[in-house]
């Protein structure tokens, strides 16, 4: 099954994405500059991403979006 990715926040510097690898049941977060290929070595766990204090507006937007996605998923019946 292919890797699934969802954009959390982006601007001209790059994008924060959540990445799910269904075959391995792994969920990661990555920051990728424009034009860069995904690099699994740079992916971080969701736990690590949630533990960081935002390092700027884009990072905060990505964190807020991820938290909103989690809350939405957990509130649906």
PDB file of N, CA and C in Angstrom:
ATOM      1  N   UNK A   1       0.845  -1.174   0.000  1.00  0.00           N
ATOM      2  CA  UNK A   1       0.000   0.000   0.000  1.00  0.00           C
ATOM      3  C   UNK A   1       0.895   1.244   0.000  1.00  0.00           C
ATOM      4  N   UNK A   2       0.520   2.259  -0.762  1.00  0.00           N
ATOM      5  CA  UNK A   2       1.367   3.450  -0.852  1.00  0.00           C
ATOM      6  C   UNK A   2       1.365   4.279   0.434  1.00  0.00           C
ATOM      7  N   UNK A   3       2.399   5.072   0.570  1.00  0.00           N
ATOM      8  CA  UNK A   3       2.504   6.006   1.685  1.00  0.00           C
ATOM      9  C   UNK A   3       1.480   7.118   1.476  1.00  0.00           C
ATOM     10  N   UNK A   4       0.783   7.488   2.539  1.00  0.00           N
ATOM     11  CA  UNK A   4      -0.209   8.556   2.470  1.00  0.00           C
ATOM     12  C   UNK A   4       0.350   9.791   3.158  1.00  0.00           C
ATOM     13  N   UNK A   5       0.136  10.955   2.560  1.00  0.00           N
ATOM     14  CA  UNK A   5       0.638  12.199   3.149  1.00  0.00           C
ATOM     15  C   UNK A   5      -0.460  13.252   3.101  1.00  0.00           C
ATOM     16  N   UNK A   6      -0.476  14.100   4.134  1.00  0.00           N
ATOM     17  CA  UNK A   6      -1.461  15.159   4.246  1.00  0.00           C
ATOM     18  C   UNK A   6      -0.747  16.428   4.667  1.00  0.00           C
ATOM     19  N   UNK A   7      -0.973  17.502   3.944  1.00  0.00           N
ATOM     20  CA  UNK A   7      -0.328  18.773   4.249  1.00  0.00           C
ATOM     21  C   UNK A   7      -0.982  19.426   5.461  1.00  0.00           C
ATOM     22  N   UNK A   8      -0.155  19.775   6.441  1.00  0.00           N
ATOM     23  CA  UNK A   8      -0.633  20.463   7.644  1.00  0.00           C
ATOM     24  C   UNK A   8      -0.548  21.975   7.495  1.00  0.00           C
ATOM     25  N   UNK A   9       0.552  22.455   6.918  1.00  0.00           N
ATOM     26  CA  UNK A   9       0.766  23.901   6.726  1.00  0.00           C
ATOM     27  C   UNK A   9       1.908  24.082   5.742  1.00  0.00           C
ATOM     28  N   UNK A  10       1.838  25.126   4.925  1.00  0.00           N
ATOM     29  CA  UNK A  10       2.934  25.389   3.990  1.00  0.00           C
ATOM     30  C   UNK A  10       3.033  26.869   3.669  1.00  0.00           C
ATOM     31  N   UNK A  11       4.226  27.251   3.262  1.00  0.00           N
ATOM     32  CA  UNK A  11       4.490  28.599   2.777  1.00  0.00           C
ATOM     33  C   UNK A  11       5.669  28.506   1.813  1.00  0.00           C
ATOM     34  N   UNK A  12       6.296  29.625   1.489  1.00  0.00           N
ATOM     35  CA  UNK A  12       7.387  29.593   0.507  1.00  0.00           C
ATOM     36  C   UNK A  12       8.632  28.872   1.021  1.00  0.00           C
ATOM     37  N   UNK A  13       8.761  28.730   2.337  1.00  0.00           N
ATOM     38  CA  UNK A  13       9.930  28.048   2.913  1.00  0.00           C
ATOM     39  C   UNK A  13       9.797  26.534   2.876  1.00  0.00           C
ATOM     40  N   UNK A  14       8.555  26.025   2.798  1.00  0.00           N
ATOM     41  CA  UNK A  14       8.352  24.588   2.768  1.00  0.00           C
ATOM     42  C   UNK A  14       7.007  24.189   3.323  1.00  0.00           C
ATOM     43  N   UNK A  15       6.878  22.895   3.601  1.00  0.00           N
ATOM     44  CA  UNK A  15       5.607  22.405   4.112  1.00  0.00           C
ATOM     45  C   UNK A  15       5.801  21.377   5.214  1.00  0.00           C
ATOM     46  N   UNK A  16       4.895  21.428   6.170  1.00  0.00           N
ATOM     47  CA  UNK A  16       4.798  20.421   7.212  1.00  0.00           C
ATOM     48  C   UNK A  16       3.733  19.443   6.755  1.00  0.00           C
ATOM     49  N   UNK A  17       4.053  18.158   6.816  1.00  0.00           N
ATOM     50  CA  UNK A  17       3.099  17.134   6.398  1.00  0.00           C
ATOM     51  C   UNK A  17       3.070  16.006   7.415  1.00  0.00           C
ATOM     52  N   UNK A  18       1.910  15.372   7.509  1.00  0.00           N
ATOM     53  CA  UNK A  18       1.810  14.147   8.283  1.00  0.00           C
ATOM     54  C   UNK A  18       1.857  13.004   7.268  1.00  0.00           C
ATOM     55  N   UNK A  19       2.641  11.995   7.578  1.00  0.00           N
ATOM     56  CA  UNK A  19       2.878  10.888   6.653  1.00  0.00           C
ATOM     57  C   UNK A  19       2.510   9.577   7.349  1.00  0.00           C
ATOM     58  N   UNK A  20       1.691   8.762   6.684  1.00  0.00           N
ATOM     59  CA  UNK A  20       1.287   7.468   7.227  1.00  0.00           C
ATOM     60  C   UNK A  20       1.775   6.364   6.298  1.00  0.00           C
ATOM     61  N   UNK A  21       2.463   5.377   6.878  1.00  0.00           N
ATOM     62  CA  UNK A  21       2.952   4.225   6.131  1.00  0.00           C
ATOM     63  C   UNK A  21       2.084   3.036   6.559  1.00  0.00           C
ATOM     64  N   UNK A  22       1.007   2.743   5.808  1.00  0.00           N
ATOM     65  CA  UNK A  22       0.054   1.727   6.230  1.00  0.00           C
ATOM     66  C   UNK A  22       0.657   0.335   6.439  1.00  0.00           C
ATOM     67  N   UNK A  23       1.576  -0.061   5.587  1.00  0.00           N
ATOM     68  CA  UNK A  23       2.162  -1.399   5.708  1.00  0.00           C
ATOM     69  C   UNK A  23       2.930  -1.586   7.008  1.00  0.00           C
ATOM     70  N   UNK A  24       3.452  -0.497   7.556  1.00  0.00           N
ATOM     71  CA  UNK A  24       4.240  -0.567   8.789  1.00  0.00           C
ATOM     72  C   UNK A  24       3.486  -0.004   9.993  1.00  0.00           C
ATOM     73  N   UNK A  25       2.301   0.565   9.737  1.00  0.00           N
ATOM     74  CA  UNK A  25       1.506   1.226  10.783  1.00  0.00           C
ATOM     75  C   UNK A  25       2.307   2.303  11.509  1.00  0.00           C
ATOM     76  N   UNK A  26       3.051   3.093  10.721  1.00  0.00           N
ATOM     77  CA  UNK A  26       3.843   4.189  11.268  1.00  0.00           C
ATOM     78  C   UNK A  26       3.251   5.520  10.821  1.00  0.00           C
ATOM     79  N   UNK A  27       3.209   6.459  11.751  1.00  0.00           N
ATOM     80  CA  UNK A  27       2.710   7.801  11.494  1.00  0.00           C
ATOM     81  C   UNK A  27       3.820   8.777  11.843  1.00  0.00           C
ATOM     82  N   UNK A  28       4.179   9.630  10.897  1.00  0.00           N
ATOM     83  CA  UNK A  28       5.302  10.544  11.062  1.00  0.00           C
ATOM     84  C   UNK A  28       4.874  11.964  10.705  1.00  0.00           C
ATOM     85  N   UNK A  29       5.716  12.925  11.067  1.00  0.00           N
ATOM     86  CA  UNK A  29       5.576  14.306  10.627  1.00  0.00           C
ATOM     87  C   UNK A  29       6.891  14.690   9.962  1.00  0.00           C
ATOM     88  N   UNK A  30       6.793  15.453   8.881  1.00  0.00           N
ATOM     89  CA  UNK A  30       8.005  15.903   8.195  1.00  0.00           C
ATOM     90  C   UNK A  30       7.877  17.359   7.799  1.00  0.00           C
ATOM     91  N   UNK A  31       9.041  18.028   7.727  1.00  0.00           N
ATOM     92  CA  UNK A  31       9.115  19.348   7.112  1.00  0.00           C
ATOM     93  C   UNK A  31       9.909  19.161   5.833  1.00  0.00           C
ATOM     94  N   UNK A  32       9.373  19.680   4.738  1.00  0.00           N
ATOM     95  CA  UNK A  32      10.045  19.514   3.458  1.00  0.00           C
ATOM     96  C   UNK A  32      10.136  20.850   2.735  1.00  0.00           C
ATOM     97  N   UNK A  33      11.357  21.303   2.417  1.00  0.00           N
ATOM     98  CA  UNK A  33      11.502  22.521   1.624  1.00  0.00           C
ATOM     99  C   UNK A  33      10.933  22.319   0.218  1.00  0.00           C
ATOM    100  N   UNK A  34      10.591  23.418  -0.476  1.00  0.00           N
ATOM    101  CA  UNK A  34      10.045  23.299  -1.837  1.00  0.00           C
ATOM    102  C   UNK A  34      11.016  22.544  -2.746  1.00  0.00           C
ATOM    103  N   UNK A  35      10.466  21.636  -3.536  1.00  0.00           N
ATOM    104  CA  UNK A  35      11.261  20.897  -4.512  1.00  0.00           C
ATOM    105  C   UNK A  35      12.065  19.735  -3.949  1.00  0.00           C
ATOM    106  N   UNK A  36      12.084  19.567  -2.637  1.00  0.00           N
ATOM    107  CA  UNK A  36      12.852  18.468  -2.037  1.00  0.00           C
ATOM    108  C   UNK A  36      12.027  17.188  -2.075  1.00  0.00           C
ATOM    109  N   UNK A  37      12.721  16.078  -2.263  1.00  0.00           N
ATOM    110  CA  UNK A  37      12.065  14.778  -2.229  1.00  0.00           C
ATOM    111  C   UNK A  37      11.852  14.356  -0.778  1.00  0.00           C
ATOM    112  N   UNK A  38      10.790  13.588  -0.514  1.00  0.00           N
ATOM    113  CA  UNK A  38      10.594  13.092   0.854  1.00  0.00           C
ATOM    114  C   UNK A  38      11.797  12.242   1.274  1.00  0.00           C
ATOM    115  N   UNK A  39      12.216  12.387   2.505  1.00  0.00           N
ATOM    116  CA  UNK A  39      13.342  11.608   3.026  1.00  0.00           C
ATOM    117  C   UNK A  39      12.945  11.000   4.362  1.00  0.00           C
ATOM    118  N   UNK A  40      12.610   9.701   4.369  1.00  0.00           N
ATOM    119  CA  UNK A  40      12.188   9.064   5.621  1.00  0.00           C
ATOM    120  C   UNK A  40      13.179   9.237   6.773  1.00  0.00           C
ATOM    121  N   UNK A  41      14.433   9.467   6.480  1.00  0.00           N
ATOM    122  CA  UNK A  41      15.420   9.681   7.545  1.00  0.00           C
ATOM    123  C   UNK A  41      15.134  10.971   8.310  1.00  0.00           C
ATOM    124  N   UNK A  42      14.443  11.910   7.683  1.00  0.00           N
ATOM    125  CA  UNK A  42      14.125  13.188   8.326  1.00  0.00           C
ATOM    126  C   UNK A  42      12.764  13.192   9.018  1.00  0.00           C
ATOM    127  N   UNK A  43      11.999  12.123   8.877  1.00  0.00           N
ATOM    128  CA  UNK A  43      10.677  12.078   9.491  1.00  0.00           C
ATOM    129  C   UNK A  43      10.814  11.961  11.001  1.00  0.00           C
ATOM    130  N   UNK A  44       9.900  12.590  11.735  1.00  0.00           N
ATOM    131  CA  UNK A  44       9.906  12.494  13.192  1.00  0.00           C
ATOM    132  C   UNK A  44       8.594  11.875  13.657  1.00  0.00           C
ATOM    133  N   UNK A  45       8.615  11.321  14.836  1.00  0.00           N
ATOM    134  CA  UNK A  45       7.388  10.740  15.365  1.00  0.00           C
ATOM    135  C   UNK A  45       6.396  11.856  15.697  1.00  0.00           C
ATOM    136  N   UNK A  46       5.137  11.500  15.721  1.00  0.00           N
ATOM    137  CA  UNK A  46       4.104  12.459  16.112  1.00  0.00           C
ATOM    138  C   UNK A  46       4.353  12.918  17.545  1.00  0.00           C
ATOM    139  N   UNK A  47       4.789  11.990  18.407  1.00  0.00           N
ATOM    140  CA  UNK A  47       5.101  12.353  19.798  1.00  0.00           C
ATOM    141  C   UNK A  47       6.156  13.453  19.862  1.00  0.00           C
ATOM    142  N   UNK A  48       7.220  13.289  19.095  1.00  0.00           N
ATOM    143  CA  UNK A  48       8.278  14.301  19.086  1.00  0.00           C
ATOM    144  C   UNK A  48       7.757  15.633  18.563  1.00  0.00           C
ATOM    145  N   UNK A  49       6.962  15.590  17.512  1.00  0.00           N
ATOM    146  CA  UNK A  49       6.422  16.820  16.938  1.00  0.00           C
ATOM    147  C   UNK A  49       5.525  17.542  17.951  1.00  0.00           C
ATOM    148  N   UNK A  50       4.682  16.791  18.650  1.00  0.00           N
ATOM    149  CA  UNK A  50       3.789  17.404  19.634  1.00  0.00           C
ATOM    150  C   UNK A  50       4.542  17.951  20.840  1.00  0.00           C
ATOM    151  N   UNK A  51       5.712  17.403  21.127  1.00  0.00           N
ATOM    152  CA  UNK A  51       6.486  17.831  22.297  1.00  0.00           C
ATOM    153  C   UNK A  51       7.268  19.125  22.046  1.00  0.00           C
ATOM    154  N   UNK A  52       7.537  19.459  20.790  1.00  0.00           N
ATOM    155  CA  UNK A  52       8.290  20.675  20.474  1.00  0.00           C
ATOM    156  C   UNK A  52       7.449  21.913  20.719  1.00  0.00           C
ATOM    157  N   UNK A  53       8.107  22.969  21.179  1.00  0.00           N
ATOM    158  CA  UNK A  53       7.459  24.277  21.161  1.00  0.00           C
ATOM    159  C   UNK A  53       7.574  24.776  19.725  1.00  0.00           C
ATOM    160  N   UNK A  54       6.510  25.383  19.181  1.00  0.00           N
ATOM    161  CA  UNK A  54       6.580  25.874  17.802  1.00  0.00           C
ATOM    162  C   UNK A  54       7.749  26.835  17.605  1.00  0.00           C
ATOM    163  N   UNK A  55       8.428  26.660  16.491  1.00  0.00           N
ATOM    164  CA  UNK A  55       9.604  27.480  16.173  1.00  0.00           C
ATOM    165  C   UNK A  55       9.291  28.548  15.132  1.00  0.00           C
ATOM    166  N   UNK A  56       8.059  28.943  15.059  1.00  0.00           N
ATOM    167  CA  UNK A  56       7.647  29.962  14.109  1.00  0.00           C
ATOM    168  C   UNK A  56       6.179  29.791  13.775  1.00  0.00           C
ATOM    169  N   UNK A  57       5.655  30.723  12.991  1.00  0.00           N
ATOM    170  CA  UNK A  57       4.234  30.732  12.659  1.00  0.00           C
ATOM    171  C   UNK A  57       3.818  29.490  11.865  1.00  0.00           C
ATOM    172  N   UNK A  58       4.639  29.084  10.908  1.00  0.00           N
ATOM    173  CA  UNK A  58       4.304  27.917  10.092  1.00  0.00           C
ATOM    174  C   UNK A  58       4.267  26.654  10.955  1.00  0.00           C
ATOM    175  N   UNK A  59       5.247  26.526  11.813  1.00  0.00           N
ATOM    176  CA  UNK A  59       5.305  25.377  12.718  1.00  0.00           C
ATOM    177  C   UNK A  59       4.067  25.376  13.623  1.00  0.00           C
ATOM    178  N   UNK A  60       3.682  26.527  14.155  1.00  0.00           N
ATOM    179  CA  UNK A  60       2.499  26.627  15.010  1.00  0.00           C
ATOM    180  C   UNK A  60       1.239  26.265  14.238  1.00  0.00           C
ATOM    181  N   UNK A  61       1.136  26.741  13.000  1.00  0.00           N
ATOM    182  CA  UNK A  61      -0.025  26.391  12.169  1.00  0.00           C
ATOM    183  C   UNK A  61      -0.106  24.877  11.966  1.00  0.00           C
ATOM    184  N   UNK A  62       1.032  24.243  11.706  1.00  0.00           N
ATOM    185  CA  UNK A  62       1.065  22.793  11.495  1.00  0.00           C
ATOM    186  C   UNK A  62       0.661  22.060  12.775  1.00  0.00           C
ATOM    187  N   UNK A  63       1.169  22.501  13.898  1.00  0.00           N
ATOM    188  CA  UNK A  63       0.835  21.890  15.181  1.00  0.00           C
ATOM    189  C   UNK A  63      -0.666  22.036  15.473  1.00  0.00           C
ATOM    190  N   UNK A  64      -1.201  23.229  15.277  1.00  0.00           N
ATOM    191  CA  UNK A  64      -2.628  23.463  15.501  1.00  0.00           C
ATOM    192  C   UNK A  64      -3.477  22.580  14.587  1.00  0.00           C
ATOM    193  N   UNK A  65      -3.058  22.443  13.343  1.00  0.00           N
ATOM    194  CA  UNK A  65      -3.809  21.626  12.379  1.00  0.00           C
ATOM    195  C   UNK A  65      -3.780  20.150  12.781  1.00  0.00           C
ATOM    196  N   UNK A  66      -2.624  19.659  13.214  1.00  0.00           N
ATOM    197  CA  UNK A  66      -2.517  18.264  13.638  1.00  0.00           C
ATOM    198  C   UNK A  66      -3.395  18.004  14.858  1.00  0.00           C
ATOM    199  N   UNK A  67      -3.361  18.893  15.825  1.00  0.00           N
ATOM    200  CA  UNK A  67      -4.194  18.746  17.016  1.00  0.00           C
ATOM    201  C   UNK A  67      -5.676  18.761  16.627  1.00  0.00           C
ATOM    202  N   UNK A  68      -6.055  19.628  15.710  1.00  0.00           N
ATOM    203  CA  UNK A  68      -7.446  19.687  15.253  1.00  0.00           C
ATOM    204  C   UNK A  68      -7.859  18.385  14.569  1.00  0.00           C
ATOM    205  N   UNK A  69      -6.960  17.817  13.758  1.00  0.00           N
ATOM    206  CA  UNK A  69      -7.251  16.541  13.104  1.00  0.00           C
ATOM    207  C   UNK A  69      -7.446  15.417  14.120  1.00  0.00           C
ATOM    208  N   UNK A  70      -6.591  15.376  15.115  1.00  0.00           N
ATOM    209  CA  UNK A  70      -6.704  14.351  16.155  1.00  0.00           C
ATOM    210  C   UNK A  70      -8.022  14.517  16.916  1.00  0.00           C
ATOM    211  N   UNK A  71      -8.345  15.743  17.299  1.00  0.00           N
ATOM    212  CA  UNK A  71      -9.592  15.997  18.029  1.00  0.00           C
ATOM    213  C   UNK A  71     -10.815  15.627  17.185  1.00  0.00           C
ATOM    214  N   UNK A  72     -10.772  15.976  15.908  1.00  0.00           N
ATOM    215  CA  UNK A  72     -11.881  15.646  15.022  1.00  0.00           C
ATOM    216  C   UNK A  72     -12.048  14.139  14.897  1.00  0.00           C
ATOM    217  N   UNK A  73     -10.952  13.425  14.712  1.00  0.00           N
ATOM    218  CA  UNK A  73     -11.014  11.972  14.570  1.00  0.00           C
ATOM    219  C   UNK A  73     -11.540  11.302  15.831  1.00  0.00           C
ATOM    220  N   UNK A  74     -11.196  11.842  16.972  1.00  0.00           N
ATOM    221  CA  UNK A  74     -11.608  11.231  18.227  1.00  0.00           C
ATOM    222  C   UNK A  74     -13.023  11.619  18.639  1.00  0.00           C
ATOM    223  N   UNK A  75     -13.587  12.646  18.056  1.00  0.00           N
ATOM    224  CA  UNK A  75     -14.929  13.065  18.421  1.00  0.00           C
ATOM    225  C   UNK A  75     -15.987  12.459  17.501  1.00  0.00           C
ATOM    226  N   UNK A  76     -15.565  11.852  16.393  1.00  0.00           N
ATOM    227  CA  UNK A  76     -16.521  11.223  15.480  1.00  0.00           C
ATOM    228  C   UNK A  76     -16.939   9.871  16.040  1.00  0.00           C
ATOM    229  N   UNK A  77     -18.227   9.540  15.899  1.00  0.00           N
ATOM    230  CA  UNK A  77     -18.704   8.244  16.417  1.00  0.00           C
ATOM    231  C   UNK A  77     -18.160   7.064  15.633  1.00  0.00           C
TER     232      UNK A  77
END
